[in-house]
Amino acid sequence: MLKKARSIMLPLALMAWAAIAPGTASAETLYGCMNKTNGGVRIVAEGVACQNSEVPVSWSSAGIQGPAGPAGAAGPAGPAGATGPAGPAGAGVKTVAGIINADGTKNGVTPNGYTSTRLELGRYQIDFPAGTWTAFPVMTVTPFGVNGAYGNAIVSSALGFSDGSARFVIDITVSSSTNTYFDNAFMFITAQAQASP
């Protein structure tokens, strides 16, 4: 009965010792001899032979977890993922530019995105089809001379519609101080700031 009590008390004492002195236990390996019959363990010095009725045992006083091993080699690169969907359009400016001949026809350099008409002497109309704009655009007009003749161009009317179409009327006069109209070629740039998504 006494022998069995000793075999129980000894492991309990070892556990208490490891809990009280973790700094000492973390750097030591303990050696012992365990009785084959009752499992009792006695601590011995390293290299001491156990009796025939015992088996040698050893363990780290730091617990069952050993030190971290070295980092393993990097694994191979995985396959490329699928291309994601396109994102929404960012903020920017949409523009449509054109050159209008003196007779109201579109110059062949800028033929797309609008239609043009000569309404009467010195008056021109430019139309943008539905879906061109998402907000009201603005237009700037610059006349250019034929054989040195320059006029004064103004946007006299500007209309925007809910379907994204728009209409502008341009008047060209001899100067800004007179209402003397005359036909003259001109260039225009129409722009609309795009709202951020």
N, C-alpha and C. Protein backbone atom coordinates (compact mmCIF):
# COMPACT_ATOMS: atom_id res chain seq x y z
N MET A 1 0.82 -1.20 0.00
CA MET A 1 0.00 0.00 0.00
C MET A 1 0.86 1.25 0.00
N LEU A 2 1.95 1.24 0.78
CA LEU A 2 2.86 2.36 0.86
C LEU A 2 3.57 2.57 -0.47
N LYS A 3 3.95 1.45 -1.11
CA LYS A 3 4.64 1.54 -2.39
C LYS A 3 3.74 2.18 -3.45
N LYS A 4 2.45 1.85 -3.45
CA LYS A 4 1.50 2.41 -4.41
C LYS A 4 1.30 3.90 -4.16
N ALA A 5 1.25 4.31 -2.91
CA ALA A 5 1.10 5.72 -2.57
C ALA A 5 2.29 6.51 -3.07
N ARG A 6 3.51 5.92 -2.92
CA ARG A 6 4.70 6.61 -3.40
C ARG A 6 4.66 6.79 -4.92
N SER A 7 4.17 5.77 -5.63
CA SER A 7 4.15 5.86 -7.09
C SER A 7 3.17 6.94 -7.56
N ILE A 8 2.16 7.24 -6.78
CA ILE A 8 1.21 8.29 -7.13
C ILE A 8 1.75 9.66 -6.75
N MET A 9 2.36 9.76 -5.61
CA MET A 9 2.82 11.04 -5.10
C MET A 9 3.99 11.59 -5.91
N LEU A 10 4.84 10.70 -6.41
CA LEU A 10 6.03 11.16 -7.12
C LEU A 10 5.66 11.95 -8.39
N PRO A 11 4.78 11.44 -9.27
CA PRO A 11 4.40 12.24 -10.44
C PRO A 11 3.73 13.55 -10.08
N LEU A 12 2.94 13.54 -8.97
CA LEU A 12 2.29 14.78 -8.54
C LEU A 12 3.32 15.80 -8.10
N ALA A 13 4.32 15.34 -7.40
CA ALA A 13 5.38 16.25 -6.95
C ALA A 13 6.14 16.81 -8.13
N LEU A 14 6.38 15.99 -9.16
CA LEU A 14 7.09 16.46 -10.34
C LEU A 14 6.27 17.53 -11.07
N MET A 15 4.96 17.32 -11.18
CA MET A 15 4.10 18.29 -11.84
C MET A 15 4.11 19.62 -11.09
N ALA A 16 4.06 19.58 -9.78
CA ALA A 16 4.10 20.79 -8.96
C ALA A 16 5.42 21.51 -9.14
N TRP A 17 6.51 20.74 -9.21
CA TRP A 17 7.83 21.35 -9.36
C TRP A 17 7.95 22.06 -10.71
N ALA A 18 7.39 21.46 -11.76
CA ALA A 18 7.45 22.07 -13.08
C ALA A 18 6.61 23.34 -13.14
N ALA A 19 5.47 23.35 -12.42
CA ALA A 19 4.60 24.53 -12.42
C ALA A 19 5.22 25.68 -11.65
N ILE A 20 5.98 25.36 -10.57
CA ILE A 20 6.58 26.41 -9.73
C ILE A 20 7.78 27.02 -10.40
N ALA A 21 8.57 26.21 -11.13
CA ALA A 21 9.82 26.70 -11.69
C ALA A 21 9.84 26.51 -13.20
N PRO A 22 8.98 27.22 -13.95
CA PRO A 22 8.94 27.02 -15.39
C PRO A 22 10.22 27.45 -16.07
N GLY A 23 10.91 28.45 -15.55
CA GLY A 23 12.16 28.89 -16.17
C GLY A 23 13.21 27.80 -16.14
N THR A 24 13.30 27.08 -15.03
CA THR A 24 14.27 26.00 -14.92
C THR A 24 13.84 24.81 -15.76
N ALA A 25 12.51 24.52 -15.74
CA ALA A 25 12.02 23.33 -16.43
C ALA A 25 12.14 23.48 -17.94
N SER A 26 12.06 24.70 -18.46
CA SER A 26 12.03 24.88 -19.90
C SER A 26 13.34 24.48 -20.56
N ALA A 27 14.44 24.40 -19.82
CA ALA A 27 15.74 24.10 -20.43
C ALA A 27 16.24 22.72 -20.08
N GLU A 28 15.46 21.87 -19.41
CA GLU A 28 15.95 20.59 -18.93
C GLU A 28 15.20 19.41 -19.53
N THR A 29 15.94 18.30 -19.65
CA THR A 29 15.33 17.01 -19.98
C THR A 29 15.42 16.14 -18.74
N LEU A 30 14.31 15.56 -18.36
CA LEU A 30 14.27 14.72 -17.16
C LEU A 30 14.39 13.26 -17.56
N TYR A 31 15.06 12.49 -16.69
CA TYR A 31 15.26 11.05 -16.93
C TYR A 31 14.69 10.29 -15.75
N GLY A 32 14.14 9.13 -16.01
CA GLY A 32 13.57 8.34 -14.93
C GLY A 32 13.49 6.87 -15.30
N CYS A 33 13.06 6.10 -14.30
CA CYS A 33 12.85 4.68 -14.50
C CYS A 33 11.42 4.37 -14.07
N MET A 34 10.66 3.75 -14.96
CA MET A 34 9.27 3.46 -14.68
C MET A 34 9.09 1.97 -14.42
N ASN A 35 8.43 1.68 -13.28
CA ASN A 35 8.16 0.29 -12.88
C ASN A 35 7.20 -0.34 -13.87
N LYS A 36 7.56 -1.50 -14.38
CA LYS A 36 6.74 -2.18 -15.38
C LYS A 36 5.41 -2.66 -14.81
N THR A 37 5.36 -2.90 -13.51
CA THR A 37 4.17 -3.47 -12.90
C THR A 37 3.15 -2.41 -12.49
N ASN A 38 3.61 -1.45 -11.68
CA ASN A 38 2.66 -0.48 -11.13
C ASN A 38 2.74 0.92 -11.78
N GLY A 39 3.68 1.13 -12.72
CA GLY A 39 3.79 2.42 -13.39
C GLY A 39 4.47 3.49 -12.58
N GLY A 40 4.99 3.17 -11.43
CA GLY A 40 5.68 4.16 -10.62
C GLY A 40 6.95 4.65 -11.32
N VAL A 41 7.25 5.93 -11.16
CA VAL A 41 8.42 6.53 -11.81
C VAL A 41 9.33 7.13 -10.75
N ARG A 42 10.64 6.88 -10.93
CA ARG A 42 11.62 7.54 -10.06
C ARG A 42 12.61 8.30 -10.93
N ILE A 43 12.97 9.49 -10.50
CA ILE A 43 13.90 10.33 -11.24
C ILE A 43 15.32 9.83 -11.00
N VAL A 44 16.10 9.77 -12.09
CA VAL A 44 17.50 9.35 -11.99
C VAL A 44 18.34 10.33 -12.79
N ALA A 45 19.63 10.30 -12.55
CA ALA A 45 20.55 11.14 -13.33
C ALA A 45 20.70 10.55 -14.73
N GLU A 46 21.08 11.40 -15.68
CA GLU A 46 21.29 10.93 -17.04
C GLU A 46 22.37 9.85 -17.06
N GLY A 47 22.10 8.75 -17.75
CA GLY A 47 23.07 7.68 -17.87
C GLY A 47 22.96 6.60 -16.81
N VAL A 48 22.13 6.80 -15.76
CA VAL A 48 21.96 5.78 -14.71
C VAL A 48 21.10 4.65 -15.26
N ALA A 49 21.55 3.42 -15.07
CA ALA A 49 20.82 2.25 -15.56
C ALA A 49 19.63 1.96 -14.66
N CYS A 50 18.51 1.59 -15.28
CA CYS A 50 17.32 1.20 -14.53
C CYS A 50 17.42 -0.27 -14.13
N GLN A 51 16.62 -0.65 -13.18
CA GLN A 51 16.57 -2.04 -12.74
C GLN A 51 15.84 -2.89 -13.77
N ASN A 52 15.96 -4.22 -13.62
CA ASN A 52 15.32 -5.12 -14.57
C ASN A 52 13.81 -4.98 -14.58
N SER A 53 13.22 -4.57 -13.45
CA SER A 53 11.77 -4.42 -13.36
C SER A 53 11.29 -3.06 -13.86
N GLU A 54 12.23 -2.26 -14.39
CA GLU A 54 11.89 -0.91 -14.83
C GLU A 54 12.27 -0.70 -16.31
N VAL A 55 11.69 0.33 -16.87
CA VAL A 55 12.08 0.76 -18.23
C VAL A 55 12.50 2.23 -18.16
N PRO A 56 13.53 2.59 -18.89
CA PRO A 56 13.97 3.99 -18.87
C PRO A 56 12.98 4.89 -19.62
N VAL A 57 12.77 6.08 -19.08
CA VAL A 57 11.91 7.08 -19.72
C VAL A 57 12.59 8.44 -19.62
N SER A 58 12.23 9.34 -20.51
CA SER A 58 12.74 10.72 -20.45
C SER A 58 11.71 11.65 -21.07
N TRP A 59 11.72 12.88 -20.64
CA TRP A 59 10.80 13.86 -21.18
C TRP A 59 11.33 15.25 -20.92
N SER A 60 10.86 16.20 -21.70
CA SER A 60 11.26 17.59 -21.51
C SER A 60 10.39 18.20 -20.43
N SER A 61 11.03 18.93 -19.54
CA SER A 61 10.27 19.57 -18.47
C SER A 61 9.45 20.75 -18.99
N ALA A 62 9.66 21.11 -20.25
CA ALA A 62 8.88 22.22 -20.83
C ALA A 62 7.52 21.75 -21.32
N GLY A 63 7.24 20.47 -21.30
CA GLY A 63 5.96 19.96 -21.77
C GLY A 63 6.14 19.12 -23.02
N ILE A 64 5.03 18.72 -23.60
CA ILE A 64 5.11 17.81 -24.74
C ILE A 64 5.41 18.54 -26.04
N GLN A 65 5.28 19.88 -26.08
CA GLN A 65 5.53 20.61 -27.32
C GLN A 65 6.98 21.01 -27.40
N GLY A 66 7.66 20.59 -28.43
CA GLY A 66 9.06 20.91 -28.63
C GLY A 66 9.22 22.28 -29.28
N PRO A 67 10.47 22.67 -29.51
CA PRO A 67 10.71 23.95 -30.16
C PRO A 67 10.23 23.94 -31.61
N ALA A 68 9.96 25.13 -32.12
CA ALA A 68 9.49 25.24 -33.51
C ALA A 68 10.59 24.82 -34.47
N GLY A 69 10.21 24.09 -35.49
CA GLY A 69 11.16 23.67 -36.50
C GLY A 69 11.42 24.77 -37.51
N PRO A 70 12.38 24.56 -38.39
CA PRO A 70 12.67 25.57 -39.41
C PRO A 70 11.52 25.70 -40.40
N ALA A 71 11.42 26.86 -41.02
CA ALA A 71 10.36 27.11 -42.00
C ALA A 71 10.55 26.20 -43.21
N GLY A 72 9.46 25.68 -43.70
CA GLY A 72 9.52 24.83 -44.88
C GLY A 72 9.70 25.64 -46.15
N ALA A 73 10.02 24.95 -47.22
CA ALA A 73 10.20 25.61 -48.51
C ALA A 73 8.86 26.12 -49.04
N ALA A 74 8.90 27.20 -49.81
CA ALA A 74 7.68 27.77 -50.39
C ALA A 74 7.06 26.78 -51.37
N GLY A 75 5.76 26.68 -51.34
CA GLY A 75 5.06 25.80 -52.26
C GLY A 75 4.99 26.40 -53.65
N PRO A 76 4.61 25.62 -54.63
CA PRO A 76 4.51 26.15 -56.00
C PRO A 76 3.37 27.15 -56.13
N ALA A 77 3.49 28.07 -57.09
CA ALA A 77 2.45 29.07 -57.31
C ALA A 77 1.18 28.40 -57.80
N GLY A 78 0.06 28.88 -57.32
CA GLY A 78 -1.22 28.35 -57.76
C GLY A 78 -1.60 28.87 -59.13
N PRO A 79 -2.60 28.29 -59.74
CA PRO A 79 -3.03 28.75 -61.07
C PRO A 79 -3.66 30.13 -61.01
N ALA A 80 -3.59 30.86 -62.11
CA ALA A 80 -4.18 32.20 -62.17
C ALA A 80 -5.69 32.10 -62.06
N GLY A 81 -6.28 33.04 -61.34
CA GLY A 81 -7.73 33.07 -61.20
C GLY A 81 -8.40 33.62 -62.46
N ALA A 82 -9.70 33.45 -62.52
CA ALA A 82 -10.46 33.95 -63.68
C ALA A 82 -10.53 35.47 -63.65
N THR A 83 -10.61 36.07 -64.81
CA THR A 83 -10.73 37.52 -64.91
C THR A 83 -12.09 37.97 -64.40
N GLY A 84 -12.08 38.97 -63.52
CA GLY A 84 -13.33 39.48 -62.96
C GLY A 84 -14.07 40.37 -63.95
N PRO A 85 -15.32 40.70 -63.65
CA PRO A 85 -16.09 41.56 -64.54
C PRO A 85 -15.55 42.99 -64.54
N ALA A 86 -15.79 43.70 -65.61
CA ALA A 86 -15.35 45.09 -65.71
C ALA A 86 -16.06 45.94 -64.68
N GLY A 87 -15.34 46.89 -64.10
CA GLY A 87 -15.93 47.79 -63.12
C GLY A 87 -16.70 48.91 -63.80
N PRO A 88 -17.42 49.70 -63.01
CA PRO A 88 -18.19 50.80 -63.58
C PRO A 88 -17.27 51.90 -64.11
N ALA A 89 -17.77 52.68 -65.04
CA ALA A 89 -16.98 53.77 -65.60
C ALA A 89 -16.66 54.79 -64.53
N GLY A 90 -15.46 55.27 -64.52
CA GLY A 90 -15.05 56.27 -63.54
C GLY A 90 -15.43 57.67 -63.99
N ALA A 91 -15.06 58.62 -63.14
CA ALA A 91 -15.34 60.01 -63.47
C ALA A 91 -14.51 60.43 -64.68
N GLY A 92 -15.03 61.30 -65.51
CA GLY A 92 -14.31 61.75 -66.69
C GLY A 92 -15.16 62.78 -67.43
N VAL A 93 -14.77 63.07 -68.66
CA VAL A 93 -15.49 64.03 -69.47
C VAL A 93 -15.77 63.40 -70.83
N LYS A 94 -17.02 63.43 -71.26
CA LYS A 94 -17.39 62.97 -72.60
C LYS A 94 -17.45 64.17 -73.51
N THR A 95 -16.86 64.07 -74.69
CA THR A 95 -16.87 65.18 -75.64
C THR A 95 -17.26 64.70 -77.02
N VAL A 96 -17.91 65.57 -77.77
CA VAL A 96 -18.17 65.39 -79.19
C VAL A 96 -17.75 66.69 -79.85
N ALA A 97 -16.85 66.60 -80.83
CA ALA A 97 -16.36 67.78 -81.52
C ALA A 97 -16.66 67.67 -83.00
N GLY A 98 -16.76 68.83 -83.67
CA GLY A 98 -17.05 68.80 -85.09
C GLY A 98 -16.62 70.07 -85.79
N ILE A 99 -16.57 69.98 -87.12
CA ILE A 99 -16.29 71.13 -87.99
C ILE A 99 -17.46 71.24 -88.96
N ILE A 100 -18.05 72.43 -89.02
CA ILE A 100 -19.20 72.67 -89.89
C ILE A 100 -18.77 73.62 -91.02
N ASN A 101 -19.05 73.21 -92.25
CA ASN A 101 -18.74 74.07 -93.39
C ASN A 101 -19.71 75.25 -93.45
N ALA A 102 -19.36 76.25 -94.23
CA ALA A 102 -20.19 77.47 -94.32
C ALA A 102 -21.59 77.18 -94.83
N ASP A 103 -21.74 76.10 -95.62
CA ASP A 103 -23.08 75.77 -96.13
C ASP A 103 -23.88 74.89 -95.17
N GLY A 104 -23.33 74.60 -93.99
CA GLY A 104 -24.04 73.83 -92.98
C GLY A 104 -23.75 72.34 -93.01
N THR A 105 -23.00 71.87 -94.00
CA THR A 105 -22.66 70.45 -94.06
C THR A 105 -21.51 70.13 -93.11
N LYS A 106 -21.45 68.86 -92.73
CA LYS A 106 -20.38 68.42 -91.84
C LYS A 106 -19.08 68.28 -92.63
N ASN A 107 -18.02 68.78 -92.04
CA ASN A 107 -16.71 68.57 -92.64
C ASN A 107 -16.34 67.10 -92.51
N GLY A 108 -15.73 66.51 -93.53
CA GLY A 108 -15.41 65.08 -93.53
C GLY A 108 -14.42 64.66 -92.47
N VAL A 109 -13.72 65.61 -91.87
CA VAL A 109 -12.75 65.27 -90.81
C VAL A 109 -13.48 64.80 -89.55
N THR A 110 -14.66 65.35 -89.28
CA THR A 110 -15.41 65.03 -88.04
C THR A 110 -16.85 64.68 -88.40
N PRO A 111 -17.10 63.51 -88.96
CA PRO A 111 -18.44 63.22 -89.48
C PRO A 111 -19.40 62.56 -88.50
N ASN A 112 -18.96 62.14 -87.34
CA ASN A 112 -19.78 61.25 -86.50
C ASN A 112 -20.31 61.93 -85.24
N GLY A 113 -21.44 61.41 -84.75
CA GLY A 113 -21.97 61.78 -83.44
C GLY A 113 -22.94 62.94 -83.44
N TYR A 114 -23.27 63.50 -84.60
CA TYR A 114 -24.17 64.65 -84.64
C TYR A 114 -24.65 64.85 -86.08
N THR A 115 -25.65 65.69 -86.24
CA THR A 115 -26.08 66.17 -87.56
C THR A 115 -26.08 67.69 -87.55
N SER A 116 -25.89 68.28 -88.72
CA SER A 116 -25.85 69.75 -88.81
C SER A 116 -26.74 70.24 -89.93
N THR A 117 -27.29 71.44 -89.74
CA THR A 117 -28.21 72.03 -90.72
C THR A 117 -27.99 73.54 -90.75
N ARG A 118 -27.99 74.14 -91.95
CA ARG A 118 -28.01 75.61 -92.08
C ARG A 118 -29.47 76.04 -92.10
N LEU A 119 -29.88 76.78 -91.08
CA LEU A 119 -31.28 77.21 -90.97
C LEU A 119 -31.58 78.39 -91.89
N GLU A 120 -30.68 79.36 -91.89
CA GLU A 120 -30.80 80.55 -92.73
C GLU A 120 -29.45 81.24 -92.74
N LEU A 121 -29.36 82.37 -93.30
CA LEU A 121 -28.09 83.08 -93.39
C LEU A 121 -27.47 83.25 -92.00
N GLY A 122 -26.29 82.68 -91.82
CA GLY A 122 -25.55 82.85 -90.57
C GLY A 122 -26.10 82.08 -89.37
N ARG A 123 -27.09 81.21 -89.59
CA ARG A 123 -27.68 80.44 -88.47
C ARG A 123 -27.58 78.95 -88.78
N TYR A 124 -27.08 78.19 -87.77
CA TYR A 124 -26.84 76.75 -87.94
C TYR A 124 -27.42 75.99 -86.75
N GLN A 125 -27.83 74.79 -87.03
CA GLN A 125 -28.37 73.93 -85.96
C GLN A 125 -27.57 72.63 -85.91
N ILE A 126 -27.21 72.23 -84.69
CA ILE A 126 -26.49 70.97 -84.48
C ILE A 126 -27.34 70.12 -83.55
N ASP A 127 -27.59 68.87 -83.97
CA ASP A 127 -28.40 67.94 -83.18
C ASP A 127 -27.58 66.72 -82.80
N PHE A 128 -27.75 66.28 -81.54
CA PHE A 128 -27.13 65.05 -81.04
C PHE A 128 -28.23 64.02 -80.81
N PRO A 129 -28.04 62.79 -81.26
CA PRO A 129 -29.11 61.79 -81.17
C PRO A 129 -29.36 61.33 -79.73
N ALA A 130 -30.48 60.66 -79.55
CA ALA A 130 -30.83 60.12 -78.23
C ALA A 130 -29.74 59.19 -77.73
N GLY A 131 -29.50 59.25 -76.43
CA GLY A 131 -28.49 58.39 -75.81
C GLY A 131 -27.09 58.96 -75.81
N THR A 132 -26.92 60.16 -76.40
CA THR A 132 -25.58 60.75 -76.45
C THR A 132 -25.13 61.25 -75.08
N TRP A 133 -26.05 61.87 -74.34
CA TRP A 133 -25.68 62.52 -73.08
C TRP A 133 -26.49 61.94 -71.92
N THR A 134 -25.90 61.96 -70.75
CA THR A 134 -26.61 61.56 -69.53
C THR A 134 -26.90 62.76 -68.63
N ALA A 135 -26.35 63.92 -69.00
CA ALA A 135 -26.63 65.18 -68.31
C ALA A 135 -26.49 66.29 -69.35
N PHE A 136 -26.92 67.48 -69.00
CA PHE A 136 -26.92 68.57 -69.98
C PHE A 136 -25.48 68.94 -70.35
N PRO A 137 -25.16 68.95 -71.66
CA PRO A 137 -23.80 69.29 -72.10
C PRO A 137 -23.65 70.79 -72.33
N VAL A 138 -22.41 71.23 -72.49
CA VAL A 138 -22.12 72.62 -72.84
C VAL A 138 -21.33 72.63 -74.13
N MET A 139 -21.46 73.74 -74.89
CA MET A 139 -20.81 73.83 -76.19
C MET A 139 -20.02 75.13 -76.29
N THR A 140 -18.83 75.04 -76.88
CA THR A 140 -18.06 76.22 -77.25
C THR A 140 -17.90 76.20 -78.77
N VAL A 141 -17.95 77.39 -79.37
CA VAL A 141 -17.90 77.51 -80.83
C VAL A 141 -16.80 78.49 -81.21
N THR A 142 -16.03 78.14 -82.23
CA THR A 142 -14.97 79.00 -82.73
C THR A 142 -15.08 79.09 -84.25
N PRO A 143 -15.39 80.27 -84.80
CA PRO A 143 -15.44 80.40 -86.25
C PRO A 143 -14.03 80.46 -86.82
N PHE A 144 -13.87 80.03 -88.06
CA PHE A 144 -12.58 80.22 -88.69
C PHE A 144 -12.80 80.78 -90.09
N GLY A 145 -11.80 81.51 -90.56
CA GLY A 145 -11.98 82.32 -91.76
C GLY A 145 -11.77 81.57 -93.05
N VAL A 146 -12.46 81.99 -94.03
CA VAL A 146 -12.25 81.57 -95.40
C VAL A 146 -11.78 82.81 -96.16
N ASN A 147 -10.58 82.74 -96.71
CA ASN A 147 -9.98 83.91 -97.38
C ASN A 147 -9.89 85.10 -96.43
N GLY A 148 -9.59 84.80 -95.14
CA GLY A 148 -9.36 85.87 -94.17
C GLY A 148 -10.59 86.41 -93.50
N ALA A 149 -11.76 85.89 -93.78
CA ALA A 149 -12.99 86.39 -93.17
C ALA A 149 -13.26 85.65 -91.87
N TYR A 150 -13.39 86.39 -90.76
CA TYR A 150 -13.71 85.81 -89.46
C TYR A 150 -15.00 86.43 -88.96
N GLY A 151 -15.78 85.63 -88.25
CA GLY A 151 -17.01 86.15 -87.68
C GLY A 151 -17.04 85.99 -86.17
N ASN A 152 -18.16 86.42 -85.60
CA ASN A 152 -18.38 86.28 -84.17
C ASN A 152 -19.47 85.21 -83.99
N ALA A 153 -19.14 84.11 -83.29
CA ALA A 153 -20.10 82.99 -83.14
C ALA A 153 -20.59 82.93 -81.70
N ILE A 154 -21.91 82.75 -81.55
CA ILE A 154 -22.50 82.55 -80.23
C ILE A 154 -23.48 81.39 -80.30
N VAL A 155 -23.67 80.73 -79.16
CA VAL A 155 -24.71 79.71 -79.04
C VAL A 155 -25.97 80.45 -78.59
N SER A 156 -26.91 80.58 -79.50
CA SER A 156 -28.11 81.37 -79.18
C SER A 156 -29.22 80.53 -78.56
N SER A 157 -29.13 79.20 -78.70
CA SER A 157 -30.15 78.34 -78.11
C SER A 157 -29.50 76.99 -77.77
N ALA A 158 -29.87 76.46 -76.62
CA ALA A 158 -29.36 75.15 -76.19
C ALA A 158 -30.48 74.40 -75.50
N LEU A 159 -30.78 73.20 -76.00
CA LEU A 159 -31.85 72.39 -75.44
C LEU A 159 -31.32 70.98 -75.18
N GLY A 160 -31.64 70.45 -74.00
CA GLY A 160 -31.32 69.07 -73.67
C GLY A 160 -32.60 68.31 -73.38
N PHE A 161 -32.66 67.04 -73.78
CA PHE A 161 -33.88 66.27 -73.62
C PHE A 161 -33.63 65.03 -72.76
N SER A 162 -34.71 64.51 -72.20
CA SER A 162 -34.59 63.40 -71.24
C SER A 162 -34.08 62.11 -71.89
N ASP A 163 -34.19 61.99 -73.20
CA ASP A 163 -33.71 60.78 -73.87
C ASP A 163 -32.21 60.84 -74.18
N GLY A 164 -31.53 61.88 -73.72
CA GLY A 164 -30.09 62.01 -73.95
C GLY A 164 -29.73 62.74 -75.22
N SER A 165 -30.74 63.26 -75.95
CA SER A 165 -30.46 64.05 -77.15
C SER A 165 -30.30 65.52 -76.76
N ALA A 166 -29.79 66.33 -77.68
CA ALA A 166 -29.63 67.76 -77.42
C ALA A 166 -29.62 68.50 -78.75
N ARG A 167 -29.97 69.82 -78.70
CA ARG A 167 -29.98 70.67 -79.90
C ARG A 167 -29.41 72.03 -79.56
N PHE A 168 -28.51 72.49 -80.43
CA PHE A 168 -27.88 73.80 -80.25
C PHE A 168 -28.06 74.60 -81.54
N VAL A 169 -28.32 75.90 -81.39
CA VAL A 169 -28.38 76.82 -82.52
C VAL A 169 -27.24 77.82 -82.38
N ILE A 170 -26.49 77.98 -83.46
CA ILE A 170 -25.32 78.86 -83.46
C ILE A 170 -25.56 79.99 -84.43
N ASP A 171 -25.34 81.23 -83.97
CA ASP A 171 -25.46 82.41 -84.81
C ASP A 171 -24.07 82.97 -85.09
N ILE A 172 -23.83 83.34 -86.35
CA ILE A 172 -22.55 83.94 -86.72
C ILE A 172 -22.82 85.31 -87.33
N THR A 173 -22.23 86.32 -86.69
CA THR A 173 -22.40 87.71 -87.14
C THR A 173 -21.04 88.29 -87.49
N VAL A 174 -21.09 89.44 -88.15
CA VAL A 174 -19.84 90.08 -88.58
C VAL A 174 -18.99 90.43 -87.37
N SER A 175 -19.63 90.95 -86.33
CA SER A 175 -18.92 91.27 -85.09
C SER A 175 -19.90 91.16 -83.94
N SER A 176 -19.38 91.28 -82.72
CA SER A 176 -20.24 91.15 -81.55
C SER A 176 -21.14 92.37 -81.36
N SER A 177 -20.85 93.47 -82.06
CA SER A 177 -21.63 94.70 -81.87
C SER A 177 -22.69 94.91 -82.95
N THR A 178 -22.81 93.95 -83.87
CA THR A 178 -23.80 94.11 -84.94
C THR A 178 -24.57 92.81 -85.14
N ASN A 179 -25.77 92.92 -85.68
CA ASN A 179 -26.58 91.74 -85.97
C ASN A 179 -26.55 91.39 -87.46
N THR A 180 -25.48 91.75 -88.11
CA THR A 180 -25.32 91.42 -89.52
C THR A 180 -24.84 89.99 -89.63
N TYR A 181 -25.72 89.09 -90.04
CA TYR A 181 -25.40 87.67 -90.12
C TYR A 181 -24.70 87.35 -91.44
N PHE A 182 -23.85 86.36 -91.40
CA PHE A 182 -23.26 85.86 -92.63
C PHE A 182 -22.83 84.42 -92.42
N ASP A 183 -22.74 83.70 -93.53
CA ASP A 183 -22.35 82.30 -93.46
C ASP A 183 -20.84 82.18 -93.26
N ASN A 184 -20.46 81.30 -92.34
CA ASN A 184 -19.03 81.11 -92.08
C ASN A 184 -18.83 79.72 -91.47
N ALA A 185 -17.75 79.09 -91.83
CA ALA A 185 -17.42 77.79 -91.23
C ALA A 185 -17.02 77.99 -89.77
N PHE A 186 -17.23 76.94 -88.96
CA PHE A 186 -16.86 77.04 -87.54
C PHE A 186 -16.56 75.64 -86.99
N MET A 187 -15.92 75.64 -85.87
CA MET A 187 -15.63 74.41 -85.12
C MET A 187 -16.38 74.48 -83.80
N PHE A 188 -16.75 73.31 -83.26
CA PHE A 188 -17.40 73.29 -81.95
C PHE A 188 -16.87 72.11 -81.13
N ILE A 189 -16.96 72.26 -79.83
CA ILE A 189 -16.67 71.16 -78.90
C ILE A 189 -17.81 71.14 -77.89
N THR A 190 -18.46 70.00 -77.76
CA THR A 190 -19.54 69.84 -76.79
C THR A 190 -19.08 68.83 -75.74
N ALA A 191 -19.24 69.18 -74.48
CA ALA A 191 -18.70 68.34 -73.40
C ALA A 191 -19.72 68.20 -72.29
N GLN A 192 -19.64 67.05 -71.64
CA GLN A 192 -20.49 66.78 -70.49
C GLN A 192 -19.66 66.06 -69.43
N ALA A 193 -19.59 66.63 -68.24
CA ALA A 193 -18.86 65.99 -67.15
C ALA A 193 -19.60 64.74 -66.71
N GLN A 194 -18.87 63.64 -66.57
CA GLN A 194 -19.48 62.39 -66.13
C GLN A 194 -19.50 62.36 -64.60
N ALA A 195 -20.65 62.02 -64.03
CA ALA A 195 -20.76 61.93 -62.58
C ALA A 195 -19.99 60.72 -62.07
N SER A 196 -19.41 60.84 -60.89
CA SER A 196 -18.74 59.71 -60.27
C SER A 196 -19.77 58.64 -59.92
N PRO A 197 -19.40 57.33 -60.06
CA PRO A 197 -20.37 56.27 -59.74
C PRO A 197 -20.68 56.20 -58.28
